[in-house]
Amino acid sequence: MLFRSVFALAGDLEDAKAADDRGDYETVLKLLRPLAEQGDAKAQFNLGVSYSKGKGVPQDDKEAVKWFRKAAALGDHASQNALGEMLLEARRKDSAE
């Protein structure tokens, strides 16, 4: 049973990538959100990207940071990098004002 759930997760992530490649962001979100809410770091990262770029959802930096932080806490390096870049950009904007 464990192997089925791991393979199902991998399949959903692959399906989400294919949907993203087609520009079908509704399907991307439908596939990613449950995985992200269950604690899948790759899905959390990709959901963060969706929010940071406004792909299928309104662009929302706070929501992007939320998902990047969750994935970063699980050790996802891409999320750690994305989170650092977003925080650095926010600091640059604050100091320019």
PDB file of N, CA and C in Angstrom:
ATOM      1  N   MET A   1       0.818  -1.194   0.000  1.00  0.00           N
ATOM      2  CA  MET A   1       0.000   0.000   0.000  1.00  0.00           C
ATOM      3  C   MET A   1       0.866   1.264   0.000  1.00  0.00           C
ATOM      4  N   LEU A   2       1.951   1.253   0.743  1.00  0.00           N
ATOM      5  CA  LEU A   2       2.829   2.417   0.788  1.00  0.00           C
ATOM      6  C   LEU A   2       3.348   2.759  -0.599  1.00  0.00           C
ATOM      7  N   PHE A   3       3.739   1.740  -1.372  1.00  0.00           N
ATOM      8  CA  PHE A   3       4.271   1.999  -2.689  1.00  0.00           C
ATOM      9  C   PHE A   3       3.234   2.641  -3.605  1.00  0.00           C
ATOM     10  N   ARG A   4       2.001   2.231  -3.476  1.00  0.00           N
ATOM     11  CA  ARG A   4       0.945   2.835  -4.298  1.00  0.00           C
ATOM     12  C   ARG A   4       0.808   4.320  -4.007  1.00  0.00           C
ATOM     13  N   SER A   5       0.832   4.699  -2.739  1.00  0.00           N
ATOM     14  CA  SER A   5       0.668   6.113  -2.408  1.00  0.00           C
ATOM     15  C   SER A   5       1.866   6.923  -2.893  1.00  0.00           C
ATOM     16  N   VAL A   6       3.087   6.372  -2.798  1.00  0.00           N
ATOM     17  CA  VAL A   6       4.264   7.070  -3.305  1.00  0.00           C
ATOM     18  C   VAL A   6       4.160   7.234  -4.811  1.00  0.00           C
ATOM     19  N   PHE A   7       3.758   6.172  -5.505  1.00  0.00           N
ATOM     20  CA  PHE A   7       3.616   6.268  -6.945  1.00  0.00           C
ATOM     21  C   PHE A   7       2.480   7.206  -7.342  1.00  0.00           C
ATOM     22  N   ALA A   8       1.414   7.214  -6.581  1.00  0.00           N
ATOM     23  CA  ALA A   8       0.308   8.136  -6.869  1.00  0.00           C
ATOM     24  C   ALA A   8       0.782   9.570  -6.736  1.00  0.00           C
ATOM     25  N   LEU A   9       1.575   9.854  -5.695  1.00  0.00           N
ATOM     26  CA  LEU A   9       2.113  11.206  -5.527  1.00  0.00           C
ATOM     27  C   LEU A   9       2.988  11.579  -6.706  1.00  0.00           C
ATOM     28  N   ALA A  10       3.868  10.674  -7.102  1.00  0.00           N
ATOM     29  CA  ALA A  10       4.748  10.939  -8.235  1.00  0.00           C
ATOM     30  C   ALA A  10       3.927  11.169  -9.486  1.00  0.00           C
ATOM     31  N   GLY A  11       2.880  10.377  -9.684  1.00  0.00           N
ATOM     32  CA  GLY A  11       2.020  10.549 -10.853  1.00  0.00           C
ATOM     33  C   GLY A  11       1.302  11.881 -10.847  1.00  0.00           C
ATOM     34  N   ASP A  12       0.805  12.279  -9.688  1.00  0.00           N
ATOM     35  CA  ASP A  12       0.119  13.571  -9.597  1.00  0.00           C
ATOM     36  C   ASP A  12       1.080  14.721  -9.873  1.00  0.00           C
ATOM     37  N   LEU A  13       2.310  14.627  -9.372  1.00  0.00           N
ATOM     38  CA  LEU A  13       3.298  15.678  -9.642  1.00  0.00           C
ATOM     39  C   LEU A  13       3.653  15.730 -11.119  1.00  0.00           C
ATOM     40  N   GLU A  14       3.784  14.569 -11.743  1.00  0.00           N
ATOM     41  CA  GLU A  14       4.065  14.527 -13.177  1.00  0.00           C
ATOM     42  C   GLU A  14       2.887  15.086 -13.972  1.00  0.00           C
ATOM     43  N   ASP A  15       1.680  14.737 -13.565  1.00  0.00           N
ATOM     44  CA  ASP A  15       0.484  15.260 -14.237  1.00  0.00           C
ATOM     45  C   ASP A  15       0.388  16.772 -14.067  1.00  0.00           C
ATOM     46  N   ALA A  16       0.757  17.272 -12.889  1.00  0.00           N
ATOM     47  CA  ALA A  16       0.737  18.718 -12.647  1.00  0.00           C
ATOM     48  C   ALA A  16       1.756  19.419 -13.541  1.00  0.00           C
ATOM     49  N   LYS A  17       2.931  18.819 -13.705  1.00  0.00           N
ATOM     50  CA  LYS A  17       3.952  19.403 -14.582  1.00  0.00           C
ATOM     51  C   LYS A  17       3.451  19.440 -16.015  1.00  0.00           C
ATOM     52  N   ALA A  18       2.828  18.370 -16.467  1.00  0.00           N
ATOM     53  CA  ALA A  18       2.296  18.330 -17.833  1.00  0.00           C
ATOM     54  C   ALA A  18       1.210  19.390 -18.012  1.00  0.00           C
ATOM     55  N   ALA A  19       0.351  19.546 -17.014  1.00  0.00           N
ATOM     56  CA  ALA A  19      -0.704  20.570 -17.080  1.00  0.00           C
ATOM     57  C   ALA A  19      -0.091  21.961 -17.112  1.00  0.00           C
ATOM     58  N   ASP A  20       0.961  22.180 -16.334  1.00  0.00           N
ATOM     59  CA  ASP A  20       1.651  23.475 -16.331  1.00  0.00           C
ATOM     60  C   ASP A  20       2.248  23.757 -17.708  1.00  0.00           C
ATOM     61  N   ASP A  21       2.843  22.749 -18.308  1.00  0.00           N
ATOM     62  CA  ASP A  21       3.419  22.906 -19.650  1.00  0.00           C
ATOM     63  C   ASP A  21       2.356  23.300 -20.670  1.00  0.00           C
ATOM     64  N   ARG A  22       1.129  22.826 -20.469  1.00  0.00           N
ATOM     65  CA  ARG A  22       0.008  23.160 -21.372  1.00  0.00           C
ATOM     66  C   ARG A  22      -0.643  24.494 -21.022  1.00  0.00           C
ATOM     67  N   GLY A  23      -0.282  25.051 -19.861  1.00  0.00           N
ATOM     68  CA  GLY A  23      -0.921  26.286 -19.411  1.00  0.00           C
ATOM     69  C   GLY A  23      -2.259  26.039 -18.742  1.00  0.00           C
ATOM     70  N   ASP A  24      -2.517  24.807 -18.334  1.00  0.00           N
ATOM     71  CA  ASP A  24      -3.773  24.433 -17.670  1.00  0.00           C
ATOM     72  C   ASP A  24      -3.589  24.567 -16.154  1.00  0.00           C
ATOM     73  N   TYR A  25      -3.590  25.811 -15.684  1.00  0.00           N
ATOM     74  CA  TYR A  25      -3.268  26.087 -14.287  1.00  0.00           C
ATOM     75  C   TYR A  25      -4.360  25.641 -13.324  1.00  0.00           C
ATOM     76  N   GLU A  26      -5.589  25.564 -13.802  1.00  0.00           N
ATOM     77  CA  GLU A  26      -6.669  25.050 -12.951  1.00  0.00           C
ATOM     78  C   GLU A  26      -6.373  23.605 -12.543  1.00  0.00           C
ATOM     79  N   THR A  27      -5.935  22.810 -13.502  1.00  0.00           N
ATOM     80  CA  THR A  27      -5.585  21.418 -13.206  1.00  0.00           C
ATOM     81  C   THR A  27      -4.345  21.343 -12.329  1.00  0.00           C
ATOM     82  N   VAL A  28      -3.375  22.199 -12.593  1.00  0.00           N
ATOM     83  CA  VAL A  28      -2.164  22.232 -11.763  1.00  0.00           C
ATOM     84  C   VAL A  28      -2.551  22.414 -10.302  1.00  0.00           C
ATOM     85  N   LEU A  29      -3.371  23.413 -10.031  1.00  0.00           N
ATOM     86  CA  LEU A  29      -3.764  23.708  -8.654  1.00  0.00           C
ATOM     87  C   LEU A  29      -4.586  22.571  -8.056  1.00  0.00           C
ATOM     88  N   LYS A  30      -5.460  21.992  -8.856  1.00  0.00           N
ATOM     89  CA  LYS A  30      -6.299  20.882  -8.389  1.00  0.00           C
ATOM     90  C   LYS A  30      -5.438  19.691  -7.965  1.00  0.00           C
ATOM     91  N   LEU A  31      -4.344  19.463  -8.670  1.00  0.00           N
ATOM     92  CA  LEU A  31      -3.456  18.353  -8.347  1.00  0.00           C
ATOM     93  C   LEU A  31      -2.481  18.688  -7.212  1.00  0.00           C
ATOM     94  N   LEU A  32      -1.975  19.916  -7.194  1.00  0.00           N
ATOM     95  CA  LEU A  32      -0.948  20.279  -6.219  1.00  0.00           C
ATOM     96  C   LEU A  32      -1.486  20.546  -4.823  1.00  0.00           C
ATOM     97  N   ARG A  33      -2.614  21.243  -4.740  1.00  0.00           N
ATOM     98  CA  ARG A  33      -3.087  21.676  -3.423  1.00  0.00           C
ATOM     99  C   ARG A  33      -3.252  20.526  -2.424  1.00  0.00           C
ATOM    100  N   PRO A  34      -3.921  19.419  -2.796  1.00  0.00           N
ATOM    101  CA  PRO A  34      -4.047  18.334  -1.812  1.00  0.00           C
ATOM    102  C   PRO A  34      -2.692  17.763  -1.393  1.00  0.00           C
ATOM    103  N   LEU A  35      -1.774  17.634  -2.340  1.00  0.00           N
ATOM    104  CA  LEU A  35      -0.446  17.124  -2.004  1.00  0.00           C
ATOM    105  C   LEU A  35       0.281  18.086  -1.073  1.00  0.00           C
ATOM    106  N   ALA A  36       0.188  19.375  -1.376  1.00  0.00           N
ATOM    107  CA  ALA A  36       0.844  20.383  -0.542  1.00  0.00           C
ATOM    108  C   ALA A  36       0.265  20.376   0.864  1.00  0.00           C
ATOM    109  N   GLU A  37      -1.030  20.271   0.965  1.00  0.00           N
ATOM    110  CA  GLU A  37      -1.681  20.267   2.279  1.00  0.00           C
ATOM    111  C   GLU A  37      -1.336  19.007   3.078  1.00  0.00           C
ATOM    112  N   GLN A  38      -0.975  17.926   2.373  1.00  0.00           N
ATOM    113  CA  GLN A  38      -0.570  16.684   3.033  1.00  0.00           C
ATOM    114  C   GLN A  38       0.916  16.695   3.401  1.00  0.00           C
ATOM    115  N   GLY A  39       1.626  17.769   3.039  1.00  0.00           N
ATOM    116  CA  GLY A  39       3.026  17.906   3.437  1.00  0.00           C
ATOM    117  C   GLY A  39       4.051  17.516   2.398  1.00  0.00           C
ATOM    118  N   ASP A  40       3.669  17.420   1.136  1.00  0.00           N
ATOM    119  CA  ASP A  40       4.629  17.111   0.083  1.00  0.00           C
ATOM    120  C   ASP A  40       5.409  18.379  -0.280  1.00  0.00           C
ATOM    121  N   ALA A  41       6.719  18.374  -0.025  1.00  0.00           N
ATOM    122  CA  ALA A  41       7.545  19.566  -0.216  1.00  0.00           C
ATOM    123  C   ALA A  41       7.589  20.029  -1.674  1.00  0.00           C
ATOM    124  N   LYS A  42       7.641  19.100  -2.617  1.00  0.00           N
ATOM    125  CA  LYS A  42       7.684  19.499  -4.029  1.00  0.00           C
ATOM    126  C   LYS A  42       6.378  20.177  -4.437  1.00  0.00           C
ATOM    127  N   ALA A  43       5.277  19.648  -3.965  1.00  0.00           N
ATOM    128  CA  ALA A  43       3.986  20.274  -4.262  1.00  0.00           C
ATOM    129  C   ALA A  43       3.898  21.638  -3.588  1.00  0.00           C
ATOM    130  N   GLN A  44       4.398  21.744  -2.359  1.00  0.00           N
ATOM    131  CA  GLN A  44       4.398  23.030  -1.655  1.00  0.00           C
ATOM    132  C   GLN A  44       5.235  24.055  -2.420  1.00  0.00           C
ATOM    133  N   PHE A  45       6.411  23.641  -2.880  1.00  0.00           N
ATOM    134  CA  PHE A  45       7.251  24.544  -3.666  1.00  0.00           C
ATOM    135  C   PHE A  45       6.511  25.016  -4.909  1.00  0.00           C
ATOM    136  N   ASN A  46       5.929  24.072  -5.636  1.00  0.00           N
ATOM    137  CA  ASN A  46       5.243  24.438  -6.879  1.00  0.00           C
ATOM    138  C   ASN A  46       4.012  25.295  -6.632  1.00  0.00           C
ATOM    139  N   LEU A  47       3.337  25.076  -5.532  1.00  0.00           N
ATOM    140  CA  LEU A  47       2.209  25.937  -5.180  1.00  0.00           C
ATOM    141  C   LEU A  47       2.723  27.345  -4.868  1.00  0.00           C
ATOM    142  N   GLY A  48       3.858  27.422  -4.183  1.00  0.00           N
ATOM    143  CA  GLY A  48       4.484  28.722  -3.931  1.00  0.00           C
ATOM    144  C   GLY A  48       4.821  29.445  -5.219  1.00  0.00           C
ATOM    145  N   VAL A  49       5.335  28.712  -6.188  1.00  0.00           N
ATOM    146  CA  VAL A  49       5.644  29.308  -7.491  1.00  0.00           C
ATOM    147  C   VAL A  49       4.370  29.828  -8.148  1.00  0.00           C
ATOM    148  N   SER A  50       3.302  29.047  -8.059  1.00  0.00           N
ATOM    149  CA  SER A  50       2.025  29.485  -8.648  1.00  0.00           C
ATOM    150  C   SER A  50       1.598  30.827  -8.070  1.00  0.00           C
ATOM    151  N   TYR A  51       1.700  30.960  -6.760  1.00  0.00           N
ATOM    152  CA  TYR A  51       1.309  32.221  -6.121  1.00  0.00           C
ATOM    153  C   TYR A  51       2.302  33.341  -6.404  1.00  0.00           C
ATOM    154  N   SER A  52       3.576  33.039  -6.449  1.00  0.00           N
ATOM    155  CA  SER A  52       4.557  34.105  -6.684  1.00  0.00           C
ATOM    156  C   SER A  52       4.458  34.657  -8.101  1.00  0.00           C
ATOM    157  N   LYS A  53       4.037  33.803  -9.044  1.00  0.00           N
ATOM    158  CA  LYS A  53       3.933  34.233 -10.439  1.00  0.00           C
ATOM    159  C   LYS A  53       2.505  34.527 -10.874  1.00  0.00           C
ATOM    160  N   GLY A  54       1.542  34.236 -10.017  1.00  0.00           N
ATOM    161  CA  GLY A  54       0.152  34.462 -10.392  1.00  0.00           C
ATOM    162  C   GLY A  54      -0.322  33.511 -11.472  1.00  0.00           C
ATOM    163  N   LYS A  55       0.101  32.253 -11.389  1.00  0.00           N
ATOM    164  CA  LYS A  55      -0.286  31.261 -12.385  1.00  0.00           C
ATOM    165  C   LYS A  55      -1.511  30.500 -11.893  1.00  0.00           C
ATOM    166  N   GLY A  56      -2.680  30.879 -12.390  1.00  0.00           N
ATOM    167  CA  GLY A  56      -3.921  30.209 -12.015  1.00  0.00           C
ATOM    168  C   GLY A  56      -4.566  30.762 -10.764  1.00  0.00           C
ATOM    169  N   VAL A  57      -3.869  31.646 -10.097  1.00  0.00           N
ATOM    170  CA  VAL A  57      -4.355  32.311  -8.887  1.00  0.00           C
ATOM    171  C   VAL A  57      -3.898  33.769  -8.959  1.00  0.00           C
ATOM    172  N   PRO A  58      -4.551  34.648  -8.205  1.00  0.00           N
ATOM    173  CA  PRO A  58      -4.017  36.008  -8.147  1.00  0.00           C
ATOM    174  C   PRO A  58      -2.609  35.987  -7.542  1.00  0.00           C
ATOM    175  N   GLN A  59      -1.716  36.798  -8.082  1.00  0.00           N
ATOM    176  CA  GLN A  59      -0.351  36.864  -7.552  1.00  0.00           C
ATOM    177  C   GLN A  59      -0.426  37.312  -6.101  1.00  0.00           C
ATOM    178  N   ASP A  60       0.241  36.564  -5.215  1.00  0.00           N
ATOM    179  CA  ASP A  60       0.139  36.818  -3.779  1.00  0.00           C
ATOM    180  C   ASP A  60       1.444  36.393  -3.105  1.00  0.00           C
ATOM    181  N   ASP A  61       2.313  37.388  -2.835  1.00  0.00           N
ATOM    182  CA  ASP A  61       3.609  37.085  -2.235  1.00  0.00           C
ATOM    183  C   ASP A  61       3.479  36.455  -0.855  1.00  0.00           C
ATOM    184  N   LYS A  62       2.506  36.891  -0.064  1.00  0.00           N
ATOM    185  CA  LYS A  62       2.342  36.326   1.280  1.00  0.00           C
ATOM    186  C   LYS A  62       1.989  34.844   1.211  1.00  0.00           C
ATOM    187  N   GLU A  63       1.122  34.484   0.285  1.00  0.00           N
ATOM    188  CA  GLU A  63       0.745  33.071   0.129  1.00  0.00           C
ATOM    189  C   GLU A  63       1.925  32.268  -0.424  1.00  0.00           C
ATOM    190  N   ALA A  64       2.685  32.868  -1.344  1.00  0.00           N
ATOM    191  CA  ALA A  64       3.873  32.197  -1.876  1.00  0.00           C
ATOM    192  C   ALA A  64       4.875  31.921  -0.754  1.00  0.00           C
ATOM    193  N   VAL A  65       5.125  32.921   0.085  1.00  0.00           N
ATOM    194  CA  VAL A  65       6.066  32.753   1.192  1.00  0.00           C
ATOM    195  C   VAL A  65       5.579  31.662   2.141  1.00  0.00           C
ATOM    196  N   LYS A  66       4.283  31.620   2.385  1.00  0.00           N
ATOM    197  CA  LYS A  66       3.720  30.581   3.262  1.00  0.00           C
ATOM    198  C   LYS A  66       4.091  29.187   2.759  1.00  0.00           C
ATOM    199  N   TRP A  67       3.896  28.946   1.461  1.00  0.00           N
ATOM    200  CA  TRP A  67       4.170  27.620   0.902  1.00  0.00           C
ATOM    201  C   TRP A  67       5.662  27.354   0.793  1.00  0.00           C
ATOM    202  N   PHE A  68       6.450  28.372   0.436  1.00  0.00           N
ATOM    203  CA  PHE A  68       7.901  28.197   0.395  1.00  0.00           C
ATOM    204  C   PHE A  68       8.442  27.869   1.784  1.00  0.00           C
ATOM    205  N   ARG A  69       7.925  28.525   2.810  1.00  0.00           N
ATOM    206  CA  ARG A  69       8.386  28.254   4.183  1.00  0.00           C
ATOM    207  C   ARG A  69       8.080  26.818   4.603  1.00  0.00           C
ATOM    208  N   LYS A  70       6.894  26.353   4.262  1.00  0.00           N
ATOM    209  CA  LYS A  70       6.538  24.975   4.618  1.00  0.00           C
ATOM    210  C   LYS A  70       7.509  23.990   3.958  1.00  0.00           C
ATOM    211  N   ALA A  71       7.765  24.174   2.680  1.00  0.00           N
ATOM    212  CA  ALA A  71       8.659  23.272   1.960  1.00  0.00           C
ATOM    213  C   ALA A  71      10.104  23.432   2.432  1.00  0.00           C
ATOM    214  N   ALA A  72      10.511  24.662   2.694  1.00  0.00           N
ATOM    215  CA  ALA A  72      11.871  24.917   3.180  1.00  0.00           C
ATOM    216  C   ALA A  72      12.102  24.218   4.510  1.00  0.00           C
ATOM    217  N   ALA A  73      11.093  24.224   5.366  1.00  0.00           N
ATOM    218  CA  ALA A  73      11.204  23.567   6.668  1.00  0.00           C
ATOM    219  C   ALA A  73      11.380  22.053   6.515  1.00  0.00           C
ATOM    220  N   LEU A  74      10.935  21.514   5.389  1.00  0.00           N
ATOM    221  CA  LEU A  74      11.096  20.089   5.108  1.00  0.00           C
ATOM    222  C   LEU A  74      12.417  19.799   4.395  1.00  0.00           C
ATOM    223  N   GLY A  75      13.226  20.846   4.206  1.00  0.00           N
ATOM    224  CA  GLY A  75      14.539  20.670   3.595  1.00  0.00           C
ATOM    225  C   GLY A  75      14.588  20.844   2.091  1.00  0.00           C
ATOM    226  N   ASP A  76      13.519  21.351   1.490  1.00  0.00           N
ATOM    227  CA  ASP A  76      13.497  21.537   0.038  1.00  0.00           C
ATOM    228  C   ASP A  76      14.379  22.732  -0.329  1.00  0.00           C
ATOM    229  N   HIS A  77      15.483  22.450  -1.036  1.00  0.00           N
ATOM    230  CA  HIS A  77      16.462  23.488  -1.353  1.00  0.00           C
ATOM    231  C   HIS A  77      15.920  24.555  -2.303  1.00  0.00           C
ATOM    232  N   ALA A  78      15.105  24.166  -3.254  1.00  0.00           N
ATOM    233  CA  ALA A  78      14.529  25.148  -4.182  1.00  0.00           C
ATOM    234  C   ALA A  78      13.651  26.132  -3.422  1.00  0.00           C
ATOM    235  N   SER A  79      12.918  25.639  -2.448  1.00  0.00           N
ATOM    236  CA  SER A  79      12.064  26.519  -1.634  1.00  0.00           C
ATOM    237  C   SER A  79      12.897  27.425  -0.742  1.00  0.00           C
ATOM    238  N   GLN A  80      13.973  26.892  -0.194  1.00  0.00           N
ATOM    239  CA  GLN A  80      14.856  27.709   0.634  1.00  0.00           C
ATOM    240  C   GLN A  80      15.432  28.845  -0.188  1.00  0.00           C
ATOM    241  N   ASN A  81      15.828  28.539  -1.409  1.00  0.00           N
ATOM    242  CA  ASN A  81      16.372  29.562  -2.296  1.00  0.00           C
ATOM    243  C   ASN A  81      15.306  30.585  -2.683  1.00  0.00           C
ATOM    244  N   ALA A  82      14.129  30.106  -3.072  1.00  0.00           N
ATOM    245  CA  ALA A  82      13.043  31.015  -3.470  1.00  0.00           C
ATOM    246  C   ALA A  82      12.634  31.916  -2.313  1.00  0.00           C
ATOM    247  N   LEU A  83      12.562  31.354  -1.134  1.00  0.00           N
ATOM    248  CA  LEU A  83      12.200  32.125   0.055  1.00  0.00           C
ATOM    249  C   LEU A  83      13.253  33.196   0.317  1.00  0.00           C
ATOM    250  N   GLY A  84      14.512  32.820   0.234  1.00  0.00           N
ATOM    251  CA  GLY A  84      15.589  33.795   0.435  1.00  0.00           C
ATOM    252  C   GLY A  84      15.529  34.916  -0.578  1.00  0.00           C
ATOM    253  N   GLU A  85      15.281  34.584  -1.829  1.00  0.00           N
ATOM    254  CA  GLU A  85      15.189  35.611  -2.876  1.00  0.00           C
ATOM    255  C   GLU A  85      14.016  36.556  -2.620  1.00  0.00           C
ATOM    256  N   MET A  86      12.879  36.002  -2.217  1.00  0.00           N
ATOM    257  CA  MET A  86      11.711  36.850  -1.955  1.00  0.00           C
ATOM    258  C   MET A  86      11.959  37.767  -0.759  1.00  0.00           C
ATOM    259  N   LEU A  87      12.563  37.243   0.281  1.00  0.00           N
ATOM    260  CA  LEU A  87      12.836  38.062   1.463  1.00  0.00           C
ATOM    261  C   LEU A  87      13.871  39.133   1.157  1.00  0.00           C
ATOM    262  N   LEU A  88      14.876  38.808   0.366  1.00  0.00           N
ATOM    263  CA  LEU A  88      15.876  39.788  -0.040  1.00  0.00           C
ATOM    264  C   LEU A  88      15.240  40.887  -0.875  1.00  0.00           C
ATOM    265  N   GLU A  89      14.372  40.521  -1.793  1.00  0.00           N
ATOM    266  CA  GLU A  89      13.682  41.509  -2.628  1.00  0.00           C
ATOM    267  C   GLU A  89      12.819  42.428  -1.777  1.00  0.00           C
ATOM    268  N   ALA A  90      12.136  41.856  -0.798  1.00  0.00           N
ATOM    269  CA  ALA A  90      11.309  42.670   0.097  1.00  0.00           C
ATOM    270  C   ALA A  90      12.179  43.645   0.886  1.00  0.00           C
ATOM    271  N   ARG A  91      13.322  43.201   1.333  1.00  0.00           N
ATOM    272  CA  ARG A  91      14.241  44.072   2.076  1.00  0.00           C
ATOM    273  C   ARG A  91      14.742  45.207   1.177  1.00  0.00           C
ATOM    274  N   ARG A  92      15.055  44.886  -0.084  1.00  0.00           N
ATOM    275  CA  ARG A  92      15.509  45.924  -1.033  1.00  0.00           C
ATOM    276  C   ARG A  92      14.418  46.967  -1.237  1.00  0.00           C
ATOM    277  N   LYS A  93      13.182  46.526  -1.386  1.00  0.00           N
ATOM    278  CA  LYS A  93      12.068  47.469  -1.570  1.00  0.00           C
ATOM    279  C   LYS A  93      11.902  48.353  -0.340  1.00  0.00           C
ATOM    280  N   ASP A  94      12.001  47.744   0.856  1.00  0.00           N
ATOM    281  CA  ASP A  94      11.840  48.518   2.093  1.00  0.00           C
ATOM    282  C   ASP A  94      12.928  49.566   2.221  1.00  0.00           C
ATOM    283  N   SER A  95      14.163  49.223   1.868  1.00  0.00           N
ATOM    284  CA  SER A  95      15.258  50.173   2.033  1.00  0.00           C
ATOM    285  C   SER A  95      15.229  51.264   0.969  1.00  0.00           C
ATOM    286  N   ALA A  96      14.573  51.008  -0.165  1.00  0.00           N
ATOM    287  CA  ALA A  96      14.468  52.008  -1.226  1.00  0.00           C
ATOM    288  C   ALA A  96      13.389  53.043  -0.929  1.00  0.00           C
ATOM    289  N   GLU A  97      12.488  52.709  -0.033  1.00  0.00           N
ATOM    290  CA  GLU A  97      11.367  53.613   0.265  1.00  0.00           C
ATOM    291  C   GLU A  97      11.724  54.656   1.233  1.00  0.00           C
TER     292      GLU A  97
END
